[in-house]
Amino acid sequence: MHFNTLILAIKERRKMLNVSQEALADISGVGLRTLKQFESGKNNPTAETLSKLGDALGLELTFQIKKIEPNQ
């Protein structure tokens, strides 16, 4: 699963609100190192972590699961 779009939205919202990574980590309960890894694309967040970050930034995150049919 690619999280690039979600991470970009979180990063842009954080910057728009003028919230530092340190402050977001404190507010959301997500570790600073973890947050930095997500924003730099070095790691993918769990759904729970995305939810915490979204809540802290006032974002509503939605997930879509798409069924993939096997090749026939």
N, C-alpha and C. Protein backbone atom coordinates (compact mmCIF):
# COMPACT_ATOMS: atom_id res chain seq x y z
N MET A 1 0.85 -1.18 0.00
CA MET A 1 0.00 0.00 0.00
C MET A 1 0.89 1.24 0.00
N HIS A 2 0.52 2.21 -0.82
CA HIS A 2 1.30 3.44 -0.90
C HIS A 2 0.66 4.51 -0.02
N PHE A 3 1.47 5.11 0.80
CA PHE A 3 1.00 6.12 1.73
C PHE A 3 1.43 7.52 1.33
N ASN A 4 2.04 7.65 0.17
CA ASN A 4 2.60 8.95 -0.23
C ASN A 4 1.58 10.08 -0.17
N THR A 5 0.38 9.85 -0.67
CA THR A 5 -0.64 10.90 -0.69
C THR A 5 -1.06 11.29 0.72
N LEU A 6 -1.24 10.29 1.58
CA LEU A 6 -1.64 10.58 2.96
C LEU A 6 -0.53 11.32 3.72
N ILE A 7 0.68 10.87 3.56
CA ILE A 7 1.80 11.51 4.24
C ILE A 7 1.97 12.94 3.76
N LEU A 8 1.84 13.16 2.46
CA LEU A 8 1.95 14.51 1.91
C LEU A 8 0.86 15.41 2.48
N ALA A 9 -0.35 14.90 2.59
CA ALA A 9 -1.46 15.70 3.16
C ALA A 9 -1.18 16.05 4.62
N ILE A 10 -0.66 15.10 5.36
CA ILE A 10 -0.35 15.35 6.78
C ILE A 10 0.78 16.38 6.89
N LYS A 11 1.80 16.23 6.09
CA LYS A 11 2.93 17.16 6.13
C LYS A 11 2.49 18.57 5.74
N GLU A 12 1.70 18.68 4.67
CA GLU A 12 1.22 20.00 4.23
C GLU A 12 0.33 20.65 5.28
N ARG A 13 -0.55 19.86 5.90
CA ARG A 13 -1.44 20.39 6.94
C ARG A 13 -0.62 20.86 8.14
N ARG A 14 0.37 20.06 8.52
CA ARG A 14 1.23 20.44 9.65
C ARG A 14 1.90 21.78 9.38
N LYS A 15 2.43 21.93 8.18
CA LYS A 15 3.11 23.18 7.82
C LYS A 15 2.12 24.34 7.72
N MET A 16 0.93 24.09 7.17
CA MET A 16 -0.08 25.13 7.04
C MET A 16 -0.48 25.67 8.42
N LEU A 17 -0.56 24.77 9.40
CA LEU A 17 -0.92 25.16 10.76
C LEU A 17 0.28 25.68 11.55
N ASN A 18 1.45 25.67 10.90
CA ASN A 18 2.68 26.14 11.55
C ASN A 18 2.99 25.33 12.81
N VAL A 19 2.86 24.01 12.68
CA VAL A 19 3.13 23.09 13.78
C VAL A 19 4.44 22.37 13.47
N SER A 20 5.35 22.38 14.41
CA SER A 20 6.62 21.69 14.20
C SER A 20 6.42 20.18 14.31
N GLN A 21 7.39 19.44 13.82
CA GLN A 21 7.33 17.99 13.96
C GLN A 21 7.32 17.61 15.44
N GLU A 22 8.09 18.31 16.24
CA GLU A 22 8.16 18.03 17.67
C GLU A 22 6.80 18.23 18.33
N ALA A 23 6.13 19.33 17.99
CA ALA A 23 4.83 19.61 18.57
C ALA A 23 3.80 18.58 18.13
N LEU A 24 3.81 18.20 16.85
CA LEU A 24 2.87 17.20 16.36
C LEU A 24 3.11 15.86 17.04
N ALA A 25 4.36 15.51 17.24
CA ALA A 25 4.67 14.26 17.94
C ALA A 25 4.08 14.29 19.35
N ASP A 26 4.25 15.40 20.04
CA ASP A 26 3.71 15.53 21.40
C ASP A 26 2.19 15.47 21.42
N ILE A 27 1.56 16.21 20.52
CA ILE A 27 0.10 16.30 20.48
C ILE A 27 -0.52 14.96 20.10
N SER A 28 0.07 14.28 19.14
CA SER A 28 -0.53 13.06 18.60
C SER A 28 -0.16 11.80 19.37
N GLY A 29 0.93 11.85 20.11
CA GLY A 29 1.40 10.65 20.80
C GLY A 29 2.22 9.74 19.89
N VAL A 30 2.59 10.24 18.72
CA VAL A 30 3.44 9.50 17.78
C VAL A 30 4.88 9.94 18.04
N GLY A 31 5.79 9.00 18.08
CA GLY A 31 7.18 9.33 18.34
C GLY A 31 7.77 10.26 17.29
N LEU A 32 8.63 11.16 17.73
CA LEU A 32 9.24 12.12 16.82
C LEU A 32 10.05 11.41 15.74
N ARG A 33 10.83 10.43 16.12
CA ARG A 33 11.63 9.69 15.14
C ARG A 33 10.72 9.03 14.11
N THR A 34 9.63 8.45 14.57
CA THR A 34 8.66 7.80 13.68
C THR A 34 8.07 8.81 12.71
N LEU A 35 7.66 9.95 13.21
CA LEU A 35 7.08 11.00 12.38
C LEU A 35 8.08 11.46 11.33
N LYS A 36 9.32 11.66 11.72
CA LYS A 36 10.34 12.10 10.78
C LYS A 36 10.57 11.05 9.69
N GLN A 37 10.52 9.78 10.07
CA GLN A 37 10.69 8.71 9.08
C GLN A 37 9.55 8.71 8.07
N PHE A 38 8.32 8.93 8.53
CA PHE A 38 7.17 8.97 7.62
C PHE A 38 7.30 10.13 6.65
N GLU A 39 7.58 11.30 7.20
CA GLU A 39 7.63 12.49 6.36
C GLU A 39 8.78 12.44 5.35
N SER A 40 9.81 11.70 5.65
CA SER A 40 10.94 11.59 4.72
C SER A 40 10.79 10.40 3.78
N GLY A 41 9.72 9.61 3.94
CA GLY A 41 9.46 8.48 3.07
C GLY A 41 10.28 7.24 3.40
N LYS A 42 10.88 7.20 4.57
CA LYS A 42 11.71 6.06 4.95
C LYS A 42 10.93 4.93 5.60
N ASN A 43 9.68 5.17 5.94
CA ASN A 43 8.88 4.16 6.61
C ASN A 43 7.41 4.44 6.33
N ASN A 44 6.58 3.42 6.41
CA ASN A 44 5.14 3.58 6.22
C ASN A 44 4.42 3.50 7.55
N PRO A 45 3.45 4.38 7.78
CA PRO A 45 2.71 4.39 9.03
C PRO A 45 1.64 3.31 9.06
N THR A 46 1.26 2.93 10.27
CA THR A 46 0.11 2.04 10.44
C THR A 46 -1.16 2.88 10.33
N ALA A 47 -2.28 2.23 10.18
CA ALA A 47 -3.57 2.93 10.14
C ALA A 47 -3.81 3.67 11.46
N GLU A 48 -3.40 3.07 12.55
CA GLU A 48 -3.57 3.70 13.86
C GLU A 48 -2.75 4.99 13.96
N THR A 49 -1.53 4.95 13.47
CA THR A 49 -0.67 6.13 13.50
C THR A 49 -1.23 7.23 12.60
N LEU A 50 -1.69 6.86 11.42
CA LEU A 50 -2.32 7.85 10.54
C LEU A 50 -3.53 8.49 11.21
N SER A 51 -4.30 7.68 11.90
CA SER A 51 -5.48 8.20 12.60
C SER A 51 -5.08 9.20 13.68
N LYS A 52 -4.06 8.88 14.46
CA LYS A 52 -3.58 9.78 15.51
C LYS A 52 -3.11 11.11 14.93
N LEU A 53 -2.34 11.03 13.84
CA LEU A 53 -1.84 12.25 13.21
C LEU A 53 -2.98 13.06 12.62
N GLY A 54 -3.91 12.39 11.96
CA GLY A 54 -5.06 13.08 11.39
C GLY A 54 -5.90 13.78 12.45
N ASP A 55 -6.14 13.08 13.55
CA ASP A 55 -6.90 13.68 14.66
C ASP A 55 -6.21 14.92 15.21
N ALA A 56 -4.91 14.82 15.39
CA ALA A 56 -4.15 15.94 15.95
C ALA A 56 -4.16 17.15 15.03
N LEU A 57 -4.28 16.91 13.72
CA LEU A 57 -4.25 18.01 12.75
C LEU A 57 -5.63 18.41 12.24
N GLY A 58 -6.67 17.78 12.76
CA GLY A 58 -8.02 18.12 12.31
C GLY A 58 -8.32 17.62 10.92
N LEU A 59 -7.74 16.48 10.55
CA LEU A 59 -7.98 15.89 9.24
C LEU A 59 -8.86 14.67 9.39
N GLU A 60 -9.73 14.46 8.43
CA GLU A 60 -10.52 13.24 8.38
C GLU A 60 -9.89 12.34 7.33
N LEU A 61 -9.34 11.24 7.78
CA LEU A 61 -8.69 10.31 6.86
C LEU A 61 -9.63 9.16 6.55
N THR A 62 -9.71 8.82 5.28
CA THR A 62 -10.54 7.69 4.87
C THR A 62 -9.67 6.69 4.14
N PHE A 63 -10.01 5.44 4.30
CA PHE A 63 -9.26 4.37 3.67
C PHE A 63 -10.20 3.61 2.74
N GLN A 64 -9.67 3.18 1.64
CA GLN A 64 -10.44 2.40 0.69
C GLN A 64 -9.71 1.10 0.42
N ILE A 65 -10.43 0.02 0.53
CA ILE A 65 -9.85 -1.28 0.24
C ILE A 65 -10.42 -1.73 -1.10
N LYS A 66 -9.54 -2.07 -1.99
CA LYS A 66 -9.95 -2.43 -3.34
C LYS A 66 -9.67 -3.91 -3.55
N LYS A 67 -10.68 -4.64 -3.97
CA LYS A 67 -10.53 -6.06 -4.24
C LYS A 67 -9.81 -6.24 -5.57
N ILE A 68 -8.77 -7.04 -5.56
CA ILE A 68 -8.02 -7.31 -6.78
C ILE A 68 -8.35 -8.72 -7.23
N GLU A 69 -8.81 -8.81 -8.45
CA GLU A 69 -9.15 -10.12 -9.02
C GLU A 69 -7.89 -10.82 -9.50
N PRO A 70 -7.77 -12.12 -9.25
CA PRO A 70 -6.60 -12.84 -9.74
C PRO A 70 -6.63 -12.92 -11.26
N ASN A 71 -5.46 -13.00 -11.86
CA ASN A 71 -5.36 -13.14 -13.32
C ASN A 71 -6.00 -14.44 -13.76
N GLN A 72 -6.77 -14.36 -14.83
CA GLN A 72 -7.45 -15.58 -15.31
C GLN A 72 -6.95 -15.96 -16.65
